[in-house]
Amino acid sequence: MTTDPVELATVDTFDIAADLHPGTTLLEASAGTGKTWTIAALVTKHIASGDVRLDEMLVVTFTRAASQELRERVRRQLDEAVQLLAEPARRDPANRLHDWLLAGDDAELGRRHGLLTTALVSFDAATIATIHQFCQLVLRSLGVAGDTDASATLIEDLEQLTEETVDDLYLARFGDEQTPPWTRAAALDLARAVVSDPRARVEPSDVLTESPDSPAAMRVRFASEVLDEVERRKRRLGVLSYDDLLSQLADALEETTAAARRRMQHRWKFVLIDEFQDTDPVQWQVFRRAFSETTTMVLIGDPKQAIYAFRGGDIVTYLQAAETATTTQTLGVNWRSDRPLLDALHAVMQGAQLGEERIVVHPVEAHLPHSRLEGAGAPFRLRVVRRAELGKGPRSKPPVALWRDHVLTDTAHDIKRLIESRPTFDGRPLRPGDIAVLAARRNELEAVQHALAAVGVPSVVNAGGSVC
C-alpha cells in the first residue's frame, strides 16, 4: 500500500435524482455506501420515468445469494415507491429517490404510479441473475446464433473430469517409467491451471520444434493433450462448464453485425452490473461487445474489495473498463458507520493508493453524525507493541511467536475491559455478542478464543469461517 502524499482530485458524487449520462457509467461504491439500495433505486427510477420497462432491464451480480437478495430488494423498492405515490405523506426527507418520485404534477405522479404498479405485478419478468445464469439464458435463446448445445448439462466445475483425464493420460504416458519426469500431483496442478482458463494459450509453443525433448516441451505437450481430451470428454458426456458458457457467448458476439448482438440489444435497454470489481476479462468482453456502444450500462463496484482473483476476477479488467466509461462517479454517503469513526479512518487512509495509482481511498460523508457507541473510548485506535513490553532490550529480536502471544493476551484483556466499562450502543447496553474479532485464519481466531477464555470471557468462532 502506498501512503505517500498524493494530489486529491475532485470526486464526482452520484445523485439518484440526477439524470444518467448516455453510455457507460462506472459507480465506485465503498463499503457501507448503499450499493444494493442504489441498484434497486435505479431500477425503480427508470421504470417510473417511462424510459424502460422492467422486462427491458438486466441486473447481473456475482453469486446466487446476491442475485436473490437483489430480487428481494428491487421488489421491495418498487413496492415502497408505489405506496409512496399513493400516500406522499410517507416521504422520507433523507431519501433522494422520494424527492425525485414526488417531483411532478398530479398527472405525472399518477403516470409513475401506474408504471410502477405494472412492474410490480409483472415482477417475474425481471432478469436479475448471476453472470452464468444470464449467459445460459442468452445462449439457449439464440438457436443457430450461438454455438452451443441447448440440451447440454451445466456443471459448476470440471474438477472430477480433470482428475480423471490426468489419471488416464499420466498412466498412458508414464506408466512404464520407473522415475516419471514429474509426479501425478504436479501433472494435476498443471492440468488445473490450463483447464481453469479456457482463453489462455499454452506457452512457450516454440519449444515443441526447437527443443522437442526438453522438460518444457513435455509439459506443453501434456497440457495441450489435457485440454484436447477434456474437450472431447465434455462433448461425449454432453456437459458445459461456466467458462464454456462465457467463451461461447463472447464468440457469438464477436462480429459487430452478429445476430446475438442485435437480439441482446433489442431485449435489454438498461444494464446494471453489480460487484464489477470481480468481473473477469471474458465476462467484460461479453458485456462490452453486447452493450457498450448502444445501451445504457451502469457498472457498480469497489476495486478496494476485489476478492475473486482465484476465480479469474481481474482488477485490471475493472481499470480497463473505467477507462472506457463515459461517466465515473462515487457513492458519497456512508449509511453504516458513524462520523467519528469515518473521520479517524480518513485521517489514516484518505488518498492512499492501494496497489495501483487509480485505486484510491476517496472520502465519504457520514449519514450518522454522532457516535452511537459511548463509554468505549476512541472509535478508532492503533495499538503498538514495543520491545520493552515483552521484557526485551531495544536491540533485541524477539521471535514472532512472542509478539503473537502478547497480541493475543492484549486483545483478550482489552475486550474484557470494554465489557466491564459498561458502554452503550445506540442507547442500550453493549452486549458481548456485539463484539467481533476478525483475523486472516481460523487458527488465529481459535487462539483468541483461548485467550478470552483465560480471562473469563466466553466466545464462539464463526461457523462459516468468514464474514465476506
Protein backbone atom coordinates (compact mmCIF):
# COMPACT_ATOMS: atom_id res chain seq x y z
CA MET A 1 0.00 0.00 0.00
CA THR A 2 1.36 3.42 -0.98
CA THR A 3 0.74 6.19 1.55
CA ASP A 4 2.89 8.94 0.07
CA PRO A 5 1.08 12.30 -0.22
CA VAL A 6 -0.95 12.49 -3.41
CA GLU A 7 -2.82 15.21 -5.16
CA LEU A 8 -6.50 14.66 -4.41
CA ALA A 9 -8.83 15.21 -7.35
CA THR A 10 -12.43 16.27 -7.02
CA VAL A 11 -14.69 13.24 -6.93
CA ASP A 12 -17.98 13.40 -8.83
CA THR A 13 -20.63 12.13 -6.42
CA PHE A 14 -23.61 10.18 -7.69
CA ASP A 15 -27.11 11.55 -7.08
CA ILE A 16 -30.10 9.30 -7.74
CA ALA A 17 -32.22 12.35 -8.55
CA ALA A 18 -29.89 13.44 -11.37
CA ASP A 19 -30.10 12.08 -14.91
CA LEU A 20 -27.60 9.46 -16.01
CA HIS A 21 -25.38 10.46 -18.90
CA PRO A 22 -25.71 8.30 -22.05
CA GLY A 23 -23.24 5.45 -22.40
CA THR A 24 -21.44 3.57 -19.64
CA THR A 25 -21.44 4.85 -16.06
CA LEU A 26 -18.97 3.48 -13.52
CA LEU A 27 -20.08 3.88 -9.90
CA GLU A 28 -17.45 3.25 -7.24
CA ALA A 29 -19.27 2.08 -4.12
CA SER A 30 -17.18 1.83 -0.96
CA ALA A 31 -18.37 -0.40 1.87
CA GLY A 32 -21.49 0.94 3.56
CA THR A 33 -22.41 3.45 0.84
CA GLY A 34 -25.67 1.77 -0.18
CA LYS A 35 -24.69 -0.15 -3.30
CA THR A 36 -27.67 -2.52 -3.25
CA TRP A 37 -30.08 0.31 -2.46
CA THR A 38 -28.67 2.28 -5.40
CA ILE A 39 -29.22 -0.62 -7.80
CA ALA A 40 -32.83 -1.03 -6.67
CA ALA A 41 -33.37 2.74 -6.80
CA LEU A 42 -32.01 2.96 -10.36
CA VAL A 43 -34.39 0.21 -11.48
CA THR A 44 -37.31 1.98 -9.77
CA LYS A 45 -36.47 5.41 -11.14
CA HIS A 46 -36.06 4.36 -14.75
CA ILE A 47 -39.26 2.35 -14.73
CA ALA A 48 -41.13 5.30 -13.19
CA SER A 49 -39.66 7.64 -15.80
CA GLY A 50 -41.09 5.51 -18.61
CA ASP A 51 -37.65 5.12 -20.21
CA VAL A 52 -37.73 1.33 -19.98
CA ARG A 53 -40.00 -1.47 -18.86
CA LEU A 54 -38.94 -3.93 -16.17
CA ASP A 55 -38.51 -6.72 -18.73
CA GLU A 56 -36.11 -4.46 -20.68
CA MET A 57 -33.75 -4.15 -17.70
CA LEU A 58 -30.90 -6.54 -16.96
CA VAL A 59 -29.35 -6.77 -13.48
CA VAL A 60 -26.34 -9.06 -13.14
CA THR A 61 -24.41 -9.93 -10.00
CA PHE A 62 -21.77 -12.45 -9.00
CA THR A 63 -23.39 -15.12 -6.78
CA ARG A 64 -26.76 -16.81 -6.49
CA ALA A 65 -27.20 -15.46 -2.96
CA ALA A 66 -26.51 -11.91 -4.17
CA SER A 67 -28.95 -12.25 -7.07
CA GLN A 68 -31.68 -13.47 -4.71
CA GLU A 69 -31.04 -10.56 -2.35
CA LEU A 70 -31.17 -8.15 -5.29
CA ARG A 71 -34.51 -9.56 -6.42
CA GLU A 72 -35.95 -9.03 -2.96
CA ARG A 73 -34.53 -5.52 -2.64
CA VAL A 74 -35.75 -4.44 -6.09
CA ARG A 75 -39.23 -5.79 -5.41
CA ARG A 76 -39.27 -4.03 -2.02
CA GLN A 77 -38.14 -0.76 -3.59
CA LEU A 78 -40.82 -0.94 -6.25
CA ASP A 79 -43.47 -1.67 -3.62
CA GLU A 80 -42.26 1.21 -1.46
CA ALA A 81 -42.41 3.58 -4.44
CA VAL A 82 -45.98 2.51 -5.29
CA GLN A 83 -47.06 3.14 -1.70
CA LEU A 84 -45.25 6.49 -1.62
CA LEU A 85 -47.01 7.74 -4.75
CA ALA A 86 -50.34 6.63 -3.29
CA GLU A 87 -49.57 8.27 0.07
CA PRO A 88 -47.00 11.10 -0.30
CA ALA A 89 -47.01 11.56 3.49
CA ARG A 90 -44.71 8.50 3.62
CA ARG A 91 -41.92 10.65 2.20
CA ASP A 92 -38.53 10.34 3.91
CA PRO A 93 -36.72 13.72 3.78
CA ALA A 94 -33.34 11.94 3.62
CA ASN A 95 -34.35 9.79 0.64
CA ARG A 96 -33.38 11.44 -2.66
CA LEU A 97 -35.39 8.89 -4.64
CA HIS A 98 -38.50 10.05 -2.79
CA ASP A 99 -37.66 13.63 -3.80
CA TRP A 100 -37.48 12.60 -7.45
CA LEU A 101 -40.59 10.41 -7.41
CA LEU A 102 -42.77 13.17 -5.92
CA ALA A 103 -41.44 15.94 -8.17
CA GLY A 104 -44.26 16.50 -10.66
CA ASP A 105 -47.91 17.38 -11.03
CA ASP A 106 -50.77 15.02 -10.19
CA ALA A 107 -50.94 13.66 -13.74
CA GLU A 108 -47.24 12.82 -13.74
CA LEU A 109 -47.41 11.18 -10.31
CA GLY A 110 -50.39 9.14 -11.49
CA ARG A 111 -48.47 8.01 -14.56
CA ARG A 112 -45.48 6.96 -12.45
CA HIS A 113 -47.76 5.10 -10.07
CA GLY A 114 -49.25 3.17 -12.97
CA LEU A 115 -45.89 2.25 -14.46
CA LEU A 116 -44.51 1.05 -11.14
CA THR A 117 -47.67 -0.91 -10.34
CA THR A 118 -47.42 -2.68 -13.69
CA ALA A 119 -43.77 -3.53 -12.99
CA LEU A 120 -44.64 -4.88 -9.56
CA VAL A 121 -47.45 -7.05 -10.92
CA SER A 122 -45.20 -8.44 -13.67
CA PHE A 123 -42.11 -8.75 -11.48
CA ASP A 124 -41.41 -12.33 -12.57
CA ALA A 125 -40.38 -10.88 -15.95
CA ALA A 126 -37.36 -9.19 -14.36
CA THR A 127 -33.95 -10.53 -15.41
CA ILE A 128 -31.94 -10.44 -12.18
CA ALA A 129 -29.35 -13.18 -12.42
CA THR A 130 -25.76 -14.26 -11.98
CA ILE A 131 -23.43 -13.84 -14.93
CA HIS A 132 -23.62 -17.57 -15.67
CA GLN A 133 -27.41 -17.72 -15.44
CA PHE A 134 -27.51 -14.78 -17.84
CA CYS A 135 -25.15 -16.49 -20.32
CA GLN A 136 -27.17 -19.69 -20.20
CA LEU A 137 -30.39 -17.75 -20.78
CA VAL A 138 -28.94 -15.93 -23.78
CA LEU A 139 -27.31 -18.94 -25.41
CA ARG A 140 -30.45 -21.04 -25.12
CA SER A 141 -32.46 -18.30 -26.78
CA LEU A 142 -30.02 -17.77 -29.65
CA GLY A 143 -30.54 -21.00 -31.54
CA VAL A 144 -28.17 -21.03 -34.52
CA ALA A 145 -26.75 -17.66 -33.44
CA GLY A 146 -24.89 -19.33 -30.61
CA ASP A 147 -22.55 -22.31 -30.89
CA THR A 148 -23.99 -24.32 -28.02
CA ASP A 149 -25.99 -27.46 -27.38
CA ALA A 150 -29.27 -26.49 -25.74
CA SER A 151 -29.56 -29.95 -24.21
CA ALA A 152 -26.13 -29.84 -22.56
CA THR A 153 -25.92 -30.17 -18.78
CA LEU A 154 -24.30 -27.25 -16.93
CA ILE A 155 -21.77 -28.25 -14.26
CA GLU A 156 -20.23 -25.87 -11.75
CA ASP A 157 -16.64 -27.07 -12.14
CA LEU A 158 -14.56 -29.57 -14.10
CA GLU A 159 -12.53 -30.90 -11.18
CA GLN A 160 -13.69 -34.51 -11.38
CA LEU A 161 -13.39 -34.63 -15.15
CA THR A 162 -9.94 -33.04 -14.99
CA GLU A 163 -8.72 -35.57 -12.43
CA GLU A 164 -9.99 -38.49 -14.49
CA THR A 165 -8.30 -37.12 -17.61
CA VAL A 166 -4.99 -36.55 -15.82
CA ASP A 167 -5.03 -40.05 -14.35
CA ASP A 168 -5.62 -41.64 -17.74
CA LEU A 169 -3.07 -39.53 -19.63
CA TYR A 170 -0.45 -39.74 -16.87
CA LEU A 171 -0.74 -43.53 -16.73
CA ALA A 172 -0.64 -43.87 -20.52
CA ARG A 173 2.43 -41.65 -20.82
CA PHE A 174 4.48 -42.57 -17.73
CA GLY A 175 3.01 -45.86 -16.51
CA ASP A 176 6.03 -47.88 -17.66
CA GLU A 177 8.66 -45.44 -16.35
CA GLN A 178 10.43 -46.04 -13.05
CA THR A 179 11.06 -42.31 -12.50
CA PRO A 180 8.49 -40.11 -14.28
CA PRO A 181 9.67 -36.53 -15.02
CA TRP A 182 7.04 -35.16 -12.64
CA THR A 183 4.59 -36.52 -10.11
CA ARG A 184 0.92 -37.13 -10.59
CA ALA A 185 0.22 -34.21 -8.23
CA ALA A 186 2.35 -31.89 -10.40
CA ALA A 187 0.53 -33.12 -13.50
CA LEU A 188 -2.82 -32.37 -11.86
CA ASP A 189 -1.69 -28.86 -10.89
CA LEU A 190 -0.63 -28.23 -14.48
CA ALA A 191 -3.96 -29.55 -15.80
CA ARG A 192 -5.99 -27.43 -13.39
CA ALA A 193 -4.12 -24.32 -14.48
CA VAL A 194 -4.90 -24.80 -18.18
CA VAL A 195 -8.46 -26.10 -17.78
CA SER A 196 -9.46 -23.27 -15.44
CA ASP A 197 -8.76 -20.63 -18.11
CA PRO A 198 -10.12 -21.72 -21.49
CA ARG A 199 -8.98 -18.47 -23.14
CA ALA A 200 -5.33 -18.90 -22.13
CA ARG A 201 -2.71 -20.18 -24.54
CA VAL A 202 -0.24 -22.89 -23.58
CA GLU A 203 3.23 -21.36 -23.92
CA PRO A 204 6.02 -21.46 -24.96
CA SER A 205 4.83 -23.20 -28.09
CA ASP A 206 8.14 -22.81 -29.94
CA VAL A 207 9.84 -25.36 -27.68
CA LEU A 208 7.95 -28.12 -29.49
CA THR A 209 10.09 -27.54 -32.58
CA GLU A 210 13.25 -26.01 -31.12
CA SER A 211 13.80 -28.48 -28.26
CA PRO A 212 11.12 -31.18 -28.51
CA ASP A 213 12.73 -33.42 -25.85
CA SER A 214 13.14 -30.72 -23.21
CA PRO A 215 11.12 -30.76 -19.94
CA ALA A 216 9.33 -27.58 -21.07
CA ALA A 217 8.24 -29.23 -24.33
CA MET A 218 6.97 -32.26 -22.43
CA ARG A 219 4.88 -30.03 -20.18
CA VAL A 220 3.47 -28.10 -23.15
CA ARG A 221 2.51 -31.35 -24.90
CA PHE A 222 0.92 -32.76 -21.76
CA ALA A 223 -1.05 -29.56 -21.10
CA SER A 224 -2.29 -29.47 -24.69
CA GLU A 225 -3.30 -33.13 -24.54
CA VAL A 226 -5.23 -32.48 -21.34
CA LEU A 227 -7.12 -29.60 -22.94
CA ASP A 228 -7.99 -31.65 -26.03
CA GLU A 229 -9.08 -34.68 -24.01
CA VAL A 230 -11.20 -32.66 -21.57
CA GLU A 231 -12.99 -31.03 -24.50
CA ARG A 232 -13.57 -34.43 -26.14
CA ARG A 233 -15.00 -35.88 -22.94
CA LYS A 234 -17.25 -32.87 -22.36
CA ARG A 235 -18.76 -33.31 -25.80
CA ARG A 236 -19.22 -37.06 -25.25
CA LEU A 237 -20.86 -36.52 -21.85
CA GLY A 238 -22.92 -33.55 -23.03
CA VAL A 239 -21.71 -31.14 -20.34
CA LEU A 240 -20.70 -27.49 -20.27
CA SER A 241 -18.79 -25.52 -17.65
CA TYR A 242 -19.48 -21.93 -16.68
CA ASP A 243 -16.34 -20.90 -18.55
CA ASP A 244 -17.70 -22.62 -21.66
CA LEU A 245 -20.86 -20.52 -21.43
CA LEU A 246 -18.87 -17.31 -21.21
CA SER A 247 -16.50 -18.21 -24.00
CA GLN A 248 -19.28 -19.33 -26.34
CA LEU A 249 -21.28 -16.18 -25.73
CA ALA A 250 -18.22 -13.98 -26.24
CA ASP A 251 -17.56 -15.75 -29.54
CA ALA A 252 -21.19 -15.35 -30.63
CA LEU A 253 -20.87 -11.60 -30.01
CA GLU A 254 -17.51 -11.09 -31.73
CA GLU A 255 -18.77 -9.71 -35.06
CA THR A 256 -20.32 -6.24 -34.92
CA THR A 257 -23.17 -7.49 -37.11
CA ALA A 258 -23.71 -10.70 -35.11
CA ALA A 259 -27.31 -11.76 -34.63
CA ALA A 260 -26.56 -12.30 -30.93
CA ARG A 261 -25.72 -8.60 -30.52
CA ARG A 262 -28.91 -7.47 -32.20
CA ARG A 263 -31.08 -9.78 -30.13
CA MET A 264 -29.50 -8.79 -26.83
CA GLN A 265 -29.68 -5.07 -27.61
CA HIS A 266 -33.30 -5.43 -28.67
CA ARG A 267 -34.25 -7.23 -25.46
CA TRP A 268 -32.32 -5.18 -22.86
CA LYS A 269 -32.22 -1.40 -22.95
CA PHE A 270 -30.75 -0.77 -19.49
CA VAL A 271 -28.00 -2.92 -17.93
CA LEU A 272 -26.74 -2.91 -14.32
CA ILE A 273 -23.69 -4.99 -13.36
CA ASP A 274 -23.13 -5.48 -9.64
CA GLU A 275 -19.78 -6.33 -7.96
CA PHE A 276 -18.00 -5.26 -11.11
CA GLN A 277 -14.58 -5.34 -9.44
CA ASP A 278 -14.77 -9.15 -9.57
CA THR A 279 -15.55 -9.34 -13.29
CA ASP A 280 -13.05 -11.34 -15.32
CA PRO A 281 -11.81 -10.41 -18.82
CA VAL A 282 -14.20 -12.73 -20.70
CA GLN A 283 -17.22 -11.52 -18.72
CA TRP A 284 -16.36 -7.91 -19.52
CA GLN A 285 -15.81 -8.89 -23.16
CA VAL A 286 -19.39 -10.20 -23.27
CA PHE A 287 -20.91 -7.02 -21.84
CA ARG A 288 -18.67 -4.66 -23.80
CA ARG A 289 -19.44 -6.36 -27.12
CA ALA A 290 -23.17 -6.59 -26.44
CA PHE A 291 -23.98 -3.27 -24.80
CA SER A 292 -21.20 -0.68 -24.51
CA GLU A 293 -21.96 1.22 -27.72
CA THR A 294 -25.76 1.13 -27.81
CA THR A 295 -27.17 0.58 -24.33
CA THR A 296 -27.25 2.49 -21.05
CA MET A 297 -24.95 0.45 -18.83
CA VAL A 298 -24.10 1.03 -15.16
CA LEU A 299 -21.13 -0.78 -13.60
CA ILE A 300 -21.16 -0.78 -9.80
CA GLY A 301 -18.26 -2.00 -7.70
CA ASP A 302 -15.32 -1.15 -5.49
CA PRO A 303 -11.79 -2.07 -6.58
CA LYS A 304 -10.75 -1.94 -2.91
CA GLN A 305 -12.95 -5.01 -2.31
CA ALA A 306 -11.76 -7.22 -5.16
CA ILE A 307 -11.61 -10.73 -3.68
CA TYR A 308 -12.18 -13.20 -6.52
CA ALA A 309 -8.78 -13.39 -8.20
CA PHE A 310 -8.89 -17.14 -7.53
CA ARG A 311 -11.98 -17.33 -9.79
CA GLY A 312 -10.44 -15.31 -12.58
CA GLY A 313 -11.58 -11.89 -11.38
CA ASP A 314 -9.01 -9.40 -12.56
CA ILE A 315 -8.70 -5.87 -11.17
CA VAL A 316 -7.03 -4.91 -14.46
CA THR A 317 -10.38 -5.59 -16.12
CA TYR A 318 -12.03 -3.10 -13.78
CA LEU A 319 -9.42 -0.46 -14.55
CA GLN A 320 -9.69 -1.01 -18.30
CA ALA A 321 -13.47 -0.67 -18.10
CA ALA A 322 -13.03 2.51 -16.08
CA GLU A 323 -11.03 4.00 -18.95
CA THR A 324 -13.87 3.30 -21.41
CA ALA A 325 -16.65 4.61 -19.15
CA THR A 326 -18.28 7.83 -20.31
CA THR A 327 -19.02 8.81 -16.69
CA THR A 328 -17.26 7.88 -13.44
CA GLN A 329 -18.83 8.70 -10.08
CA THR A 330 -18.78 7.53 -6.48
CA LEU A 331 -21.46 6.87 -3.90
CA GLY A 332 -20.61 9.62 -1.45
CA VAL A 333 -22.52 8.80 1.77
CA ASN A 334 -21.74 6.01 4.21
CA TRP A 335 -25.02 4.84 5.77
CA ARG A 336 -23.47 2.27 8.10
CA SER A 337 -20.65 3.90 10.08
CA ASP A 338 -20.62 6.90 12.45
CA ARG A 339 -18.87 10.13 11.55
CA PRO A 340 -16.20 10.00 14.32
CA LEU A 341 -15.07 6.57 13.07
CA LEU A 342 -15.03 7.68 9.42
CA ASP A 343 -13.13 10.86 10.29
CA ALA A 344 -10.47 8.82 12.06
CA LEU A 345 -10.17 6.32 9.20
CA HIS A 346 -9.93 9.15 6.68
CA ALA A 347 -7.09 10.69 8.67
CA VAL A 348 -5.12 7.48 8.15
CA MET A 349 -6.32 6.25 4.75
CA GLN A 350 -7.65 9.15 2.67
CA GLY A 351 -5.77 9.45 -0.60
CA ALA A 352 -3.95 6.15 -0.11
CA GLN A 353 -3.23 4.26 -3.33
CA LEU A 354 -3.94 0.57 -2.84
CA GLY A 355 -1.53 -1.21 -5.13
CA GLU A 356 -2.35 0.98 -8.13
CA GLU A 357 -2.49 4.75 -8.51
CA ARG A 358 -6.05 4.56 -9.84
CA ILE A 359 -7.32 2.66 -6.80
CA VAL A 360 -7.60 5.45 -4.28
CA VAL A 361 -9.42 5.73 -0.95
CA HIS A 362 -11.91 8.53 -1.56
CA PRO A 363 -13.57 10.42 1.31
CA VAL A 364 -17.25 9.79 2.02
CA GLU A 365 -19.74 11.65 4.15
CA ALA A 366 -21.38 10.00 7.16
CA HIS A 367 -25.15 9.79 7.36
CA LEU A 368 -24.87 9.25 11.14
CA PRO A 369 -23.30 12.43 12.60
CA HIS A 370 -22.56 11.17 16.12
CA SER A 371 -21.05 8.04 17.61
CA ARG A 372 -23.64 5.51 18.74
CA LEU A 373 -21.03 3.73 20.87
CA GLU A 374 -20.42 5.62 24.13
CA GLY A 375 -18.12 4.79 27.00
CA ALA A 376 -15.77 2.63 24.90
CA GLY A 377 -13.04 5.17 24.20
CA ALA A 378 -11.93 6.45 20.81
CA PRO A 379 -13.79 4.91 17.84
CA PHE A 380 -10.53 4.01 16.07
CA ARG A 381 -7.31 3.02 17.82
CA LEU A 382 -3.94 1.61 16.79
CA ARG A 383 -2.19 -0.38 19.50
CA VAL A 384 1.60 -0.63 19.17
CA VAL A 385 3.66 -3.30 20.92
CA ARG A 386 7.15 -2.25 21.95
CA ARG A 387 10.07 -4.49 22.90
CA ALA A 388 10.04 -3.23 26.48
CA GLU A 389 6.54 -4.63 26.94
CA LEU A 390 7.97 -8.04 26.08
CA GLY A 391 10.75 -7.61 28.62
CA LYS A 392 13.34 -7.28 25.87
CA GLY A 393 16.06 -4.76 25.16
CA PRO A 394 15.87 -2.09 22.40
CA ARG A 395 18.20 -4.01 20.07
CA SER A 396 16.77 -7.47 20.65
CA LYS A 397 14.97 -9.51 18.03
CA PRO A 398 12.11 -11.29 19.80
CA PRO A 399 10.66 -14.26 17.90
CA VAL A 400 7.35 -13.83 16.09
CA ALA A 401 5.67 -16.27 18.48
CA LEU A 402 6.42 -13.95 21.40
CA TRP A 403 4.89 -10.96 19.62
CA ARG A 404 1.85 -13.05 18.69
CA ASP A 405 1.29 -14.27 22.26
CA HIS A 406 1.46 -10.70 23.54
CA VAL A 407 -1.10 -9.50 20.95
CA LEU A 408 -3.46 -12.35 21.85
CA THR A 409 -3.26 -11.61 25.55
CA ASP A 410 -3.62 -7.87 25.00
CA THR A 411 -6.67 -8.42 22.79
CA ALA A 412 -8.36 -10.56 25.43
CA HIS A 413 -7.71 -8.05 28.21
CA ASP A 414 -8.83 -5.15 26.01
CA ILE A 415 -12.14 -6.88 25.26
CA LYS A 416 -12.65 -7.68 28.95
CA ARG A 417 -12.03 -4.03 29.88
CA LEU A 418 -14.54 -2.98 27.22
CA ILE A 419 -17.23 -5.26 28.64
CA GLU A 420 -16.56 -4.19 32.23
CA SER A 421 -16.71 -0.48 31.35
CA ARG A 422 -20.42 -0.98 30.55
CA PRO A 423 -20.58 1.10 27.36
CA THR A 424 -23.80 1.70 25.46
CA PHE A 425 -24.64 1.40 21.79
CA ASP A 426 -27.48 3.49 20.42
CA GLY A 427 -28.80 3.96 23.95
CA ARG A 428 -28.79 0.32 25.05
CA PRO A 429 -26.13 -1.60 27.00
CA LEU A 430 -23.45 -3.11 24.79
CA ARG A 431 -23.73 -6.90 24.78
CA PRO A 432 -20.78 -9.31 24.40
CA GLY A 433 -22.46 -10.58 21.22
CA ASP A 434 -21.97 -7.13 19.70
CA ILE A 435 -18.18 -7.59 19.73
CA ALA A 436 -16.39 -9.24 16.80
CA VAL A 437 -12.74 -10.18 16.31
CA LEU A 438 -11.55 -10.51 12.72
CA ALA A 439 -8.46 -12.47 11.70
CA ALA A 440 -6.95 -13.82 8.50
CA ARG A 441 -7.06 -17.50 9.50
CA ARG A 442 -9.26 -19.72 11.63
CA ASN A 443 -6.36 -20.89 13.83
CA GLU A 444 -5.77 -17.27 14.84
CA LEU A 445 -9.41 -16.94 15.86
CA GLU A 446 -9.15 -20.12 17.91
CA ALA A 447 -6.07 -18.67 19.64
CA VAL A 448 -8.05 -15.53 20.50
CA GLN A 449 -10.86 -17.73 21.81
CA HIS A 450 -8.44 -19.49 24.18
CA ALA A 451 -7.02 -16.14 25.35
CA LEU A 452 -10.53 -14.84 26.06
CA ALA A 453 -11.39 -18.00 27.98
CA ALA A 454 -8.30 -17.44 30.14
CA VAL A 455 -9.71 -14.09 31.32
CA GLY A 456 -13.23 -15.45 31.79
CA VAL A 457 -14.87 -14.23 28.58
CA PRO A 458 -16.77 -16.90 26.61
CA SER A 459 -16.77 -16.65 22.80
CA VAL A 460 -17.60 -18.60 19.67
CA VAL A 461 -15.80 -18.90 16.34
CA ASN A 462 -17.99 -18.11 13.34
CA ALA A 463 -19.11 -21.40 11.84
CA GLY A 464 -18.70 -20.11 8.30
CA GLY A 465 -15.14 -19.04 8.97
CA SER A 466 -15.60 -15.77 7.06
CA VAL A 467 -17.61 -12.56 7.04
CA CYS A 468 -17.04 -11.98 3.32
